[in-house]
Amino acid sequence: MPTISIVYYSGGGHTAVFAEAVAEGAKSVSGTSVNLLRIDGKDIVEGRFKNDAFLATLNASDAIIFGSPTYMGGPSGQFKTFADATGGIWYQQQWKDKLAAGFTVSAGTSGDKLNTLEYFFILSQQHGMVWIGTGVLPYATGQINRYSFSSGAAGQANQEPVTEKPDAEDKATGAHLGRRVAEAAVRWAK
């Protein structure tokens, strides 16, 4: 049974809602196990990410989906601190050939989200992972991928309550990405 882990940081809760949609999509594929791992302030001690159990869960996963809000044109500092902590994993190539994907949320409809998705892609390639994009044309399937990102899923939220944003279309895009990664993980495991 392939294991998909979704590792993310969420400041105001909007990225957490998106991560939950990604997880629901992944869970909809039978024969998969899904972990939802939120980077928390307690995981960062003196500017360094310190949660060995968290990293062990990722090491045991078949696919890792990265998520962060886009702040100032890139991923959050908390996510970057986590990524920096994976240097030893990189050196040992423990994530080589695992599947990878990413998602982000920001206030603007574009909001430099592509830069965050590219950061996740480069992180995955440093680790020797296999990247999975959305695989769907903009608006090709109802309201999925309305922001036209092929490299990962994107949502929009500003100061609205988390019950309103990300909206249903954004959550459907997140669920689509989670399902696509889970389906690929099932095929990859054969």
N, C-alpha and C. Protein backbone atom coordinates (compact mmCIF):
# COMPACT_ATOMS: atom_id res chain seq x y z
N MET A 1 0.85 -1.18 0.00
CA MET A 1 0.00 0.00 0.00
C MET A 1 0.89 1.24 0.00
N PRO A 2 0.84 2.06 -1.05
CA PRO A 2 1.65 3.28 -1.08
C PRO A 2 1.19 4.30 -0.04
N THR A 3 2.16 4.99 0.52
CA THR A 3 1.90 6.04 1.50
C THR A 3 2.21 7.39 0.89
N ILE A 4 1.24 8.29 0.95
CA ILE A 4 1.39 9.65 0.47
C ILE A 4 1.42 10.55 1.69
N SER A 5 2.45 11.37 1.81
CA SER A 5 2.53 12.33 2.91
C SER A 5 2.46 13.74 2.36
N ILE A 6 1.65 14.55 3.02
CA ILE A 6 1.48 15.95 2.64
C ILE A 6 2.11 16.78 3.75
N VAL A 7 3.22 17.44 3.43
CA VAL A 7 3.93 18.25 4.41
C VAL A 7 3.72 19.71 4.04
N TYR A 8 3.24 20.50 5.00
CA TYR A 8 2.89 21.88 4.67
C TYR A 8 3.01 22.78 5.89
N TYR A 9 3.09 24.07 5.62
CA TYR A 9 2.98 25.10 6.64
C TYR A 9 1.77 25.95 6.29
N SER A 10 1.05 26.39 7.32
CA SER A 10 -0.09 27.28 7.12
C SER A 10 -0.07 28.34 8.20
N GLY A 11 -0.02 29.60 7.78
CA GLY A 11 -0.01 30.71 8.73
C GLY A 11 -1.39 31.06 9.23
N GLY A 12 -2.30 31.38 8.31
CA GLY A 12 -3.64 31.82 8.69
C GLY A 12 -4.71 30.76 8.58
N GLY A 13 -4.35 29.55 8.18
CA GLY A 13 -5.31 28.46 8.08
C GLY A 13 -5.77 28.14 6.67
N HIS A 14 -5.57 29.08 5.72
CA HIS A 14 -6.04 28.85 4.35
C HIS A 14 -5.28 27.71 3.67
N THR A 15 -3.97 27.64 3.89
CA THR A 15 -3.19 26.57 3.29
C THR A 15 -3.53 25.24 3.94
N ALA A 16 -3.90 25.25 5.21
CA ALA A 16 -4.34 24.02 5.89
C ALA A 16 -5.61 23.48 5.25
N VAL A 17 -6.56 24.37 4.92
CA VAL A 17 -7.79 23.94 4.25
C VAL A 17 -7.47 23.33 2.90
N PHE A 18 -6.53 23.95 2.17
CA PHE A 18 -6.12 23.42 0.87
C PHE A 18 -5.45 22.06 1.05
N ALA A 19 -4.59 21.92 2.07
CA ALA A 19 -3.91 20.65 2.34
C ALA A 19 -4.92 19.55 2.64
N GLU A 20 -5.97 19.88 3.36
CA GLU A 20 -7.01 18.90 3.67
C GLU A 20 -7.71 18.43 2.40
N ALA A 21 -7.91 19.35 1.45
CA ALA A 21 -8.52 18.97 0.16
C ALA A 21 -7.59 18.05 -0.61
N VAL A 22 -6.28 18.35 -0.61
CA VAL A 22 -5.30 17.49 -1.26
C VAL A 22 -5.35 16.09 -0.63
N ALA A 23 -5.41 16.04 0.70
CA ALA A 23 -5.48 14.76 1.41
C ALA A 23 -6.74 13.99 1.06
N GLU A 24 -7.87 14.67 0.99
CA GLU A 24 -9.12 14.00 0.63
C GLU A 24 -9.02 13.38 -0.77
N GLY A 25 -8.43 14.11 -1.70
CA GLY A 25 -8.23 13.56 -3.04
C GLY A 25 -7.36 12.33 -3.02
N ALA A 26 -6.28 12.37 -2.26
CA ALA A 26 -5.38 11.21 -2.17
C ALA A 26 -6.08 10.03 -1.50
N LYS A 27 -6.86 10.31 -0.47
CA LYS A 27 -7.59 9.24 0.24
C LYS A 27 -8.64 8.58 -0.62
N SER A 28 -9.11 9.28 -1.67
CA SER A 28 -10.17 8.72 -2.52
C SER A 28 -9.66 7.58 -3.41
N VAL A 29 -8.35 7.39 -3.46
CA VAL A 29 -7.77 6.31 -4.26
C VAL A 29 -7.58 5.11 -3.35
N SER A 30 -8.26 4.02 -3.66
CA SER A 30 -8.17 2.86 -2.78
C SER A 30 -6.78 2.25 -2.85
N GLY A 31 -6.36 1.72 -1.73
CA GLY A 31 -5.04 1.11 -1.65
C GLY A 31 -3.94 2.08 -1.29
N THR A 32 -4.30 3.24 -0.74
CA THR A 32 -3.28 4.22 -0.33
C THR A 32 -3.48 4.59 1.13
N SER A 33 -2.41 5.04 1.73
CA SER A 33 -2.43 5.58 3.08
C SER A 33 -1.96 7.02 2.98
N VAL A 34 -2.57 7.92 3.75
CA VAL A 34 -2.26 9.35 3.63
C VAL A 34 -1.91 9.93 5.01
N ASN A 35 -0.79 10.65 5.05
CA ASN A 35 -0.38 11.39 6.25
C ASN A 35 -0.47 12.88 5.96
N LEU A 36 -1.06 13.62 6.87
CA LEU A 36 -1.15 15.08 6.78
C LEU A 36 -0.24 15.64 7.87
N LEU A 37 0.89 16.24 7.46
CA LEU A 37 1.92 16.68 8.39
C LEU A 37 2.07 18.20 8.33
N ARG A 38 1.60 18.86 9.37
CA ARG A 38 1.67 20.33 9.42
C ARG A 38 2.92 20.78 10.17
N ILE A 39 3.72 21.60 9.54
CA ILE A 39 4.89 22.19 10.19
C ILE A 39 4.38 23.16 11.23
N ASP A 40 4.81 22.99 12.46
CA ASP A 40 4.32 23.78 13.57
C ASP A 40 5.47 24.58 14.17
N GLY A 41 5.16 25.64 14.86
CA GLY A 41 6.18 26.44 15.52
C GLY A 41 7.04 25.65 16.48
N LYS A 42 6.45 24.64 17.15
CA LYS A 42 7.22 23.84 18.10
C LYS A 42 8.26 22.97 17.40
N ASP A 43 8.12 22.78 16.08
CA ASP A 43 9.09 22.00 15.31
C ASP A 43 10.35 22.81 15.00
N ILE A 44 10.29 24.12 15.20
CA ILE A 44 11.43 24.98 14.87
C ILE A 44 12.02 25.52 16.18
N VAL A 45 13.23 25.07 16.48
CA VAL A 45 13.91 25.43 17.72
C VAL A 45 15.21 26.14 17.35
N GLU A 46 15.36 27.36 17.85
CA GLU A 46 16.55 28.16 17.56
C GLU A 46 16.83 28.25 16.06
N GLY A 47 15.77 28.44 15.30
CA GLY A 47 15.90 28.63 13.86
C GLY A 47 16.12 27.36 13.06
N ARG A 48 16.02 26.20 13.70
CA ARG A 48 16.24 24.94 12.99
C ARG A 48 15.04 24.02 13.18
N PHE A 49 14.73 23.28 12.14
CA PHE A 49 13.63 22.31 12.20
C PHE A 49 14.13 21.08 12.96
N LYS A 50 13.40 20.71 14.02
CA LYS A 50 13.81 19.58 14.85
C LYS A 50 12.59 18.72 15.16
N ASN A 51 12.33 17.75 14.32
CA ASN A 51 11.26 16.79 14.56
C ASN A 51 11.63 15.51 13.82
N ASP A 52 12.36 14.65 14.50
CA ASP A 52 12.85 13.42 13.87
C ASP A 52 11.73 12.48 13.45
N ALA A 53 10.65 12.41 14.24
CA ALA A 53 9.53 11.53 13.89
C ALA A 53 8.86 12.00 12.60
N PHE A 54 8.74 13.30 12.45
CA PHE A 54 8.17 13.92 11.25
C PHE A 54 8.98 13.50 10.03
N LEU A 55 10.32 13.65 10.11
CA LEU A 55 11.20 13.30 9.00
C LEU A 55 11.18 11.80 8.73
N ALA A 56 11.09 10.97 9.79
CA ALA A 56 11.02 9.52 9.61
C ALA A 56 9.76 9.13 8.85
N THR A 57 8.66 9.80 9.12
CA THR A 57 7.41 9.54 8.40
C THR A 57 7.59 9.84 6.91
N LEU A 58 8.25 10.96 6.60
CA LEU A 58 8.49 11.30 5.20
C LEU A 58 9.43 10.29 4.55
N ASN A 59 10.45 9.85 5.27
CA ASN A 59 11.39 8.87 4.73
C ASN A 59 10.69 7.56 4.38
N ALA A 60 9.65 7.22 5.12
CA ALA A 60 8.92 5.97 4.88
C ALA A 60 7.82 6.12 3.83
N SER A 61 7.62 7.32 3.32
CA SER A 61 6.55 7.59 2.35
C SER A 61 6.99 7.25 0.94
N ASP A 62 6.01 6.95 0.09
CA ASP A 62 6.27 6.70 -1.33
C ASP A 62 6.14 7.97 -2.15
N ALA A 63 5.35 8.91 -1.65
CA ALA A 63 5.14 10.20 -2.33
C ALA A 63 5.06 11.29 -1.27
N ILE A 64 5.62 12.45 -1.60
CA ILE A 64 5.57 13.60 -0.70
C ILE A 64 5.03 14.80 -1.48
N ILE A 65 3.98 15.41 -0.94
CA ILE A 65 3.39 16.60 -1.54
C ILE A 65 3.73 17.78 -0.63
N PHE A 66 4.41 18.78 -1.19
CA PHE A 66 4.85 19.94 -0.44
C PHE A 66 3.80 21.06 -0.55
N GLY A 67 3.58 21.79 0.55
CA GLY A 67 2.62 22.90 0.52
C GLY A 67 3.03 24.04 1.41
N SER A 68 2.79 25.25 0.94
CA SER A 68 3.10 26.46 1.71
C SER A 68 2.32 27.62 1.11
N PRO A 69 1.97 28.59 1.96
CA PRO A 69 1.48 29.83 1.38
C PRO A 69 2.63 30.50 0.62
N THR A 70 2.29 31.33 -0.34
CA THR A 70 3.30 32.14 -1.00
C THR A 70 3.37 33.46 -0.26
N TYR A 71 4.50 33.70 0.37
CA TYR A 71 4.76 34.95 1.07
C TYR A 71 5.90 35.66 0.36
N MET A 72 5.71 36.90 -0.02
CA MET A 72 6.78 37.70 -0.62
C MET A 72 7.45 36.98 -1.78
N GLY A 73 6.66 36.29 -2.59
CA GLY A 73 7.16 35.67 -3.81
C GLY A 73 7.80 34.31 -3.64
N GLY A 74 7.63 33.65 -2.50
CA GLY A 74 8.21 32.33 -2.30
C GLY A 74 7.54 31.61 -1.15
N PRO A 75 8.04 30.42 -0.80
CA PRO A 75 7.45 29.69 0.31
C PRO A 75 7.74 30.39 1.64
N SER A 76 6.97 30.06 2.64
CA SER A 76 7.14 30.66 3.96
C SER A 76 8.51 30.30 4.54
N GLY A 77 8.99 31.13 5.44
CA GLY A 77 10.25 30.86 6.13
C GLY A 77 10.20 29.55 6.90
N GLN A 78 9.03 29.23 7.46
CA GLN A 78 8.89 27.99 8.21
C GLN A 78 9.08 26.78 7.30
N PHE A 79 8.50 26.86 6.07
CA PHE A 79 8.69 25.75 5.15
C PHE A 79 10.15 25.65 4.74
N LYS A 80 10.77 26.79 4.48
CA LYS A 80 12.18 26.80 4.08
C LYS A 80 13.06 26.21 5.18
N THR A 81 12.74 26.51 6.44
CA THR A 81 13.49 25.93 7.56
C THR A 81 13.37 24.41 7.55
N PHE A 82 12.16 23.91 7.30
CA PHE A 82 11.97 22.46 7.16
C PHE A 82 12.82 21.92 6.02
N ALA A 83 12.74 22.57 4.84
CA ALA A 83 13.48 22.10 3.67
C ALA A 83 14.97 22.06 3.95
N ASP A 84 15.48 23.08 4.63
CA ASP A 84 16.91 23.11 4.96
C ASP A 84 17.30 21.92 5.84
N ALA A 85 16.38 21.47 6.68
CA ALA A 85 16.66 20.35 7.58
C ALA A 85 16.75 19.01 6.85
N THR A 86 16.38 18.99 5.57
CA THR A 86 16.43 17.73 4.82
C THR A 86 17.79 17.50 4.17
N GLY A 87 18.79 18.32 4.50
CA GLY A 87 20.12 18.18 3.91
C GLY A 87 20.74 16.81 4.12
N GLY A 88 20.61 16.26 5.32
CA GLY A 88 21.15 14.92 5.58
C GLY A 88 20.43 13.85 4.79
N ILE A 89 19.11 14.03 4.64
CA ILE A 89 18.32 13.10 3.83
C ILE A 89 18.78 13.18 2.38
N TRP A 90 19.01 14.42 1.91
CA TRP A 90 19.52 14.63 0.55
C TRP A 90 20.86 13.93 0.37
N TYR A 91 21.76 14.12 1.30
CA TYR A 91 23.10 13.56 1.19
C TYR A 91 23.05 12.03 1.07
N GLN A 92 22.12 11.43 1.78
CA GLN A 92 21.97 9.97 1.75
C GLN A 92 21.02 9.50 0.64
N GLN A 93 20.44 10.46 -0.10
CA GLN A 93 19.51 10.18 -1.20
C GLN A 93 18.34 9.30 -0.76
N GLN A 94 17.81 9.55 0.43
CA GLN A 94 16.72 8.76 0.98
C GLN A 94 15.38 9.01 0.28
N TRP A 95 15.25 10.13 -0.43
CA TRP A 95 13.99 10.41 -1.12
C TRP A 95 14.11 10.15 -2.61
N LYS A 96 15.22 9.62 -3.07
CA LYS A 96 15.41 9.36 -4.49
C LYS A 96 14.32 8.42 -5.00
N ASP A 97 13.74 8.79 -6.13
CA ASP A 97 12.68 8.05 -6.81
C ASP A 97 11.34 8.04 -6.10
N LYS A 98 11.18 8.81 -5.02
CA LYS A 98 9.85 9.02 -4.45
C LYS A 98 9.12 10.00 -5.36
N LEU A 99 7.81 9.93 -5.39
CA LEU A 99 7.02 10.89 -6.16
C LEU A 99 6.89 12.19 -5.36
N ALA A 100 6.78 13.30 -6.07
CA ALA A 100 6.67 14.61 -5.43
C ALA A 100 5.68 15.49 -6.18
N ALA A 101 5.07 16.42 -5.46
CA ALA A 101 4.17 17.40 -6.05
C ALA A 101 4.11 18.58 -5.08
N GLY A 102 3.40 19.65 -5.47
CA GLY A 102 3.31 20.80 -4.60
C GLY A 102 2.07 21.63 -4.83
N PHE A 103 1.75 22.44 -3.80
CA PHE A 103 0.61 23.35 -3.88
C PHE A 103 0.90 24.59 -3.05
N THR A 104 0.21 25.67 -3.39
CA THR A 104 0.38 26.92 -2.67
C THR A 104 -0.90 27.74 -2.71
N VAL A 105 -1.00 28.66 -1.78
CA VAL A 105 -2.12 29.60 -1.68
C VAL A 105 -1.53 30.99 -1.44
N SER A 106 -2.07 32.00 -2.11
CA SER A 106 -1.68 33.38 -1.82
C SER A 106 -2.86 34.31 -2.05
N ALA A 107 -2.69 35.56 -1.68
CA ALA A 107 -3.79 36.52 -1.76
C ALA A 107 -4.19 36.85 -3.20
N GLY A 108 -3.23 36.96 -4.08
CA GLY A 108 -3.53 37.31 -5.47
C GLY A 108 -3.88 36.08 -6.30
N THR A 109 -4.50 36.33 -7.44
CA THR A 109 -4.82 35.19 -8.31
C THR A 109 -3.59 34.60 -8.96
N SER A 110 -2.56 35.41 -9.13
CA SER A 110 -1.27 34.84 -9.55
C SER A 110 -0.32 34.93 -8.36
N GLY A 111 -0.08 36.12 -7.85
CA GLY A 111 0.61 36.31 -6.58
C GLY A 111 1.97 35.64 -6.48
N ASP A 112 2.67 35.47 -7.61
CA ASP A 112 3.98 34.83 -7.62
C ASP A 112 3.94 33.39 -7.12
N LYS A 113 2.80 32.75 -7.27
CA LYS A 113 2.67 31.35 -6.88
C LYS A 113 3.63 30.45 -7.64
N LEU A 114 3.89 30.78 -8.91
CA LEU A 114 4.77 29.94 -9.72
C LEU A 114 6.14 29.81 -9.08
N ASN A 115 6.64 30.88 -8.48
CA ASN A 115 7.95 30.83 -7.83
C ASN A 115 7.96 29.81 -6.69
N THR A 116 6.87 29.75 -5.92
CA THR A 116 6.78 28.78 -4.82
C THR A 116 6.74 27.36 -5.38
N LEU A 117 5.94 27.15 -6.43
CA LEU A 117 5.87 25.82 -7.04
C LEU A 117 7.22 25.42 -7.62
N GLU A 118 7.92 26.38 -8.22
CA GLU A 118 9.26 26.09 -8.75
C GLU A 118 10.23 25.76 -7.63
N TYR A 119 10.09 26.41 -6.47
CA TYR A 119 10.93 26.08 -5.32
C TYR A 119 10.72 24.61 -4.93
N PHE A 120 9.44 24.20 -4.85
CA PHE A 120 9.14 22.81 -4.50
C PHE A 120 9.73 21.85 -5.53
N PHE A 121 9.59 22.21 -6.81
CA PHE A 121 10.14 21.37 -7.89
C PHE A 121 11.65 21.22 -7.74
N ILE A 122 12.34 22.33 -7.53
CA ILE A 122 13.80 22.27 -7.39
C ILE A 122 14.19 21.46 -6.15
N LEU A 123 13.48 21.64 -5.05
CA LEU A 123 13.73 20.84 -3.85
C LEU A 123 13.58 19.35 -4.18
N SER A 124 12.52 19.01 -4.90
CA SER A 124 12.30 17.60 -5.26
C SER A 124 13.42 17.07 -6.15
N GLN A 125 13.89 17.89 -7.06
CA GLN A 125 14.95 17.45 -7.98
C GLN A 125 16.29 17.33 -7.26
N GLN A 126 16.54 18.18 -6.27
CA GLN A 126 17.73 18.03 -5.45
C GLN A 126 17.73 16.65 -4.77
N HIS A 127 16.54 16.23 -4.39
CA HIS A 127 16.38 14.93 -3.71
C HIS A 127 16.27 13.75 -4.69
N GLY A 128 16.27 14.02 -5.99
CA GLY A 128 16.17 12.94 -6.97
C GLY A 128 14.77 12.36 -7.09
N MET A 129 13.77 13.16 -6.77
CA MET A 129 12.37 12.71 -6.79
C MET A 129 11.78 12.84 -8.20
N VAL A 130 10.61 12.26 -8.39
CA VAL A 130 9.89 12.29 -9.67
C VAL A 130 8.68 13.22 -9.49
N TRP A 131 8.66 14.33 -10.24
CA TRP A 131 7.62 15.37 -10.07
C TRP A 131 6.34 15.02 -10.81
N ILE A 132 5.21 15.27 -10.14
CA ILE A 132 3.88 15.09 -10.72
C ILE A 132 3.19 16.45 -10.76
N GLY A 133 2.81 16.91 -11.94
CA GLY A 133 2.06 18.16 -12.09
C GLY A 133 0.57 17.91 -12.06
N THR A 134 -0.20 18.92 -12.41
CA THR A 134 -1.66 18.77 -12.38
C THR A 134 -2.18 17.88 -13.50
N GLY A 135 -1.51 17.90 -14.65
CA GLY A 135 -1.94 17.03 -15.75
C GLY A 135 -3.30 17.36 -16.31
N VAL A 136 -3.73 18.60 -16.16
CA VAL A 136 -5.05 18.98 -16.66
C VAL A 136 -4.96 20.39 -17.24
N LEU A 137 -5.66 20.60 -18.34
CA LEU A 137 -5.72 21.92 -18.94
C LEU A 137 -6.55 22.85 -18.06
N PRO A 138 -6.30 24.15 -18.12
CA PRO A 138 -7.12 25.08 -17.34
C PRO A 138 -8.59 24.94 -17.73
N TYR A 139 -9.43 24.83 -16.74
CA TYR A 139 -10.89 24.73 -16.92
C TYR A 139 -11.33 23.53 -17.74
N ALA A 140 -10.43 22.59 -18.02
CA ALA A 140 -10.79 21.44 -18.85
C ALA A 140 -11.85 20.56 -18.19
N THR A 141 -11.83 20.52 -16.88
CA THR A 141 -12.77 19.68 -16.14
C THR A 141 -13.50 20.56 -15.14
N GLY A 142 -14.58 21.18 -15.56
CA GLY A 142 -15.31 22.07 -14.67
C GLY A 142 -14.46 23.25 -14.25
N GLN A 143 -14.33 23.47 -12.97
CA GLN A 143 -13.59 24.61 -12.44
C GLN A 143 -12.19 24.25 -11.96
N ILE A 144 -11.69 23.07 -12.28
CA ILE A 144 -10.36 22.66 -11.84
C ILE A 144 -9.29 23.44 -12.59
N ASN A 145 -8.26 23.87 -11.87
CA ASN A 145 -7.09 24.56 -12.42
C ASN A 145 -7.46 25.88 -13.11
N ARG A 146 -8.29 26.65 -12.48
CA ARG A 146 -8.72 27.92 -13.09
C ARG A 146 -7.61 28.96 -13.13
N TYR A 147 -6.50 28.76 -12.36
CA TYR A 147 -5.38 29.70 -12.40
C TYR A 147 -4.30 29.27 -13.38
N SER A 148 -4.52 28.18 -14.08
CA SER A 148 -3.66 27.73 -15.19
C SER A 148 -2.26 27.31 -14.77
N PHE A 149 -2.11 26.66 -13.64
CA PHE A 149 -0.81 26.15 -13.23
C PHE A 149 -0.70 24.68 -13.60
N SER A 150 0.29 24.34 -14.39
CA SER A 150 0.53 22.94 -14.76
C SER A 150 1.46 22.26 -13.78
N SER A 151 2.34 23.03 -13.14
CA SER A 151 3.38 22.44 -12.30
C SER A 151 2.91 22.04 -10.91
N GLY A 152 1.75 22.52 -10.49
CA GLY A 152 1.22 22.18 -9.17
C GLY A 152 -0.13 22.85 -8.99
N ALA A 153 -0.72 22.64 -7.84
CA ALA A 153 -2.05 23.20 -7.58
C ALA A 153 -1.91 24.55 -6.87
N ALA A 154 -2.84 25.46 -7.18
CA ALA A 154 -2.80 26.79 -6.59
C ALA A 154 -4.20 27.23 -6.18
N GLY A 155 -4.24 27.95 -5.07
CA GLY A 155 -5.50 28.50 -4.58
C GLY A 155 -5.32 29.96 -4.21
N GLN A 156 -6.44 30.64 -4.00
CA GLN A 156 -6.42 32.06 -3.68
C GLN A 156 -7.19 32.30 -2.39
N ALA A 157 -6.58 33.06 -1.49
CA ALA A 157 -7.25 33.47 -0.25
C ALA A 157 -6.53 34.71 0.26
N ASN A 158 -7.32 35.66 0.73
CA ASN A 158 -6.72 36.88 1.27
C ASN A 158 -7.03 36.92 2.77
N GLN A 159 -7.90 37.80 3.19
CA GLN A 159 -8.24 37.90 4.61
C GLN A 159 -9.60 37.28 4.92
N GLU A 160 -10.19 36.60 3.93
CA GLU A 160 -11.50 35.98 4.16
C GLU A 160 -11.39 34.87 5.21
N PRO A 161 -12.50 34.55 5.85
CA PRO A 161 -12.48 33.41 6.78
C PRO A 161 -12.13 32.11 6.03
N VAL A 162 -11.51 31.17 6.74
CA VAL A 162 -11.12 29.91 6.10
C VAL A 162 -12.34 29.09 5.66
N THR A 163 -13.51 29.45 6.15
CA THR A 163 -14.73 28.77 5.69
C THR A 163 -15.15 29.23 4.30
N GLU A 164 -14.59 30.38 3.85
CA GLU A 164 -14.94 30.92 2.53
C GLU A 164 -13.84 30.72 1.49
N LYS A 165 -12.60 30.81 1.91
CA LYS A 165 -11.47 30.70 0.98
C LYS A 165 -10.42 29.79 1.59
N PRO A 166 -9.82 28.93 0.84
CA PRO A 166 -10.02 28.67 -0.57
C PRO A 166 -11.45 28.19 -0.84
N ASP A 167 -11.95 28.55 -2.01
CA ASP A 167 -13.34 28.22 -2.33
C ASP A 167 -13.44 26.80 -2.92
N ALA A 168 -14.65 26.42 -3.30
CA ALA A 168 -14.90 25.05 -3.78
C ALA A 168 -14.05 24.69 -5.00
N GLU A 169 -13.88 25.65 -5.92
CA GLU A 169 -13.08 25.37 -7.12
C GLU A 169 -11.62 25.12 -6.77
N ASP A 170 -11.08 25.93 -5.85
CA ASP A 170 -9.69 25.73 -5.43
C ASP A 170 -9.53 24.39 -4.71
N LYS A 171 -10.47 24.07 -3.84
CA LYS A 171 -10.39 22.79 -3.13
C LYS A 171 -10.50 21.62 -4.11
N ALA A 172 -11.31 21.77 -5.15
CA ALA A 172 -11.41 20.72 -6.18
C ALA A 172 -10.07 20.54 -6.91
N THR A 173 -9.36 21.64 -7.13
CA THR A 173 -8.05 21.57 -7.76
C THR A 173 -7.07 20.84 -6.84
N GLY A 174 -7.10 21.16 -5.55
CA GLY A 174 -6.25 20.46 -4.58
C GLY A 174 -6.57 18.99 -4.51
N ALA A 175 -7.86 18.65 -4.48
CA ALA A 175 -8.26 17.24 -4.45
C ALA A 175 -7.81 16.52 -5.72
N HIS A 176 -7.89 17.20 -6.84
CA HIS A 176 -7.43 16.62 -8.10
C HIS A 176 -5.95 16.27 -8.02
N LEU A 177 -5.13 17.20 -7.50
CA LEU A 177 -3.69 16.93 -7.38
C LEU A 177 -3.44 15.75 -6.45
N GLY A 178 -4.10 15.72 -5.30
CA GLY A 178 -3.92 14.61 -4.37
C GLY A 178 -4.28 13.28 -4.99
N ARG A 179 -5.39 13.24 -5.71
CA ARG A 179 -5.84 12.02 -6.39
C ARG A 179 -4.83 11.59 -7.46
N ARG A 180 -4.33 12.57 -8.22
CA ARG A 180 -3.37 12.26 -9.29
C ARG A 180 -2.08 11.67 -8.72
N VAL A 181 -1.58 12.24 -7.63
CA VAL A 181 -0.37 11.72 -7.01
C VAL A 181 -0.63 10.32 -6.45
N ALA A 182 -1.77 10.11 -5.80
CA ALA A 182 -2.09 8.79 -5.24
C ALA A 182 -2.21 7.74 -6.37
N GLU A 183 -2.87 8.09 -7.46
CA GLU A 183 -2.98 7.15 -8.59
C GLU A 183 -1.61 6.82 -9.16
N ALA A 184 -0.75 7.81 -9.25
CA ALA A 184 0.62 7.58 -9.74
C ALA A 184 1.38 6.70 -8.76
N ALA A 185 1.18 6.91 -7.46
CA ALA A 185 1.87 6.11 -6.45
C ALA A 185 1.45 4.64 -6.53
N VAL A 186 0.19 4.41 -6.79
CA VAL A 186 -0.30 3.02 -6.93
C VAL A 186 0.37 2.38 -8.15
N ARG A 187 0.41 3.11 -9.27
CA ARG A 187 1.08 2.57 -10.49
C ARG A 187 2.57 2.39 -10.25
N TRP A 188 3.21 3.35 -9.59
CA TRP A 188 4.64 3.34 -9.35
C TRP A 188 5.04 2.16 -8.46
N ALA A 189 4.14 1.78 -7.54
CA ALA A 189 4.43 0.71 -6.58
C ALA A 189 4.37 -0.69 -7.21
N LYS A 190 3.78 -0.80 -8.39
CA LYS A 190 3.64 -2.12 -9.03
C LYS A 190 4.94 -2.65 -9.53
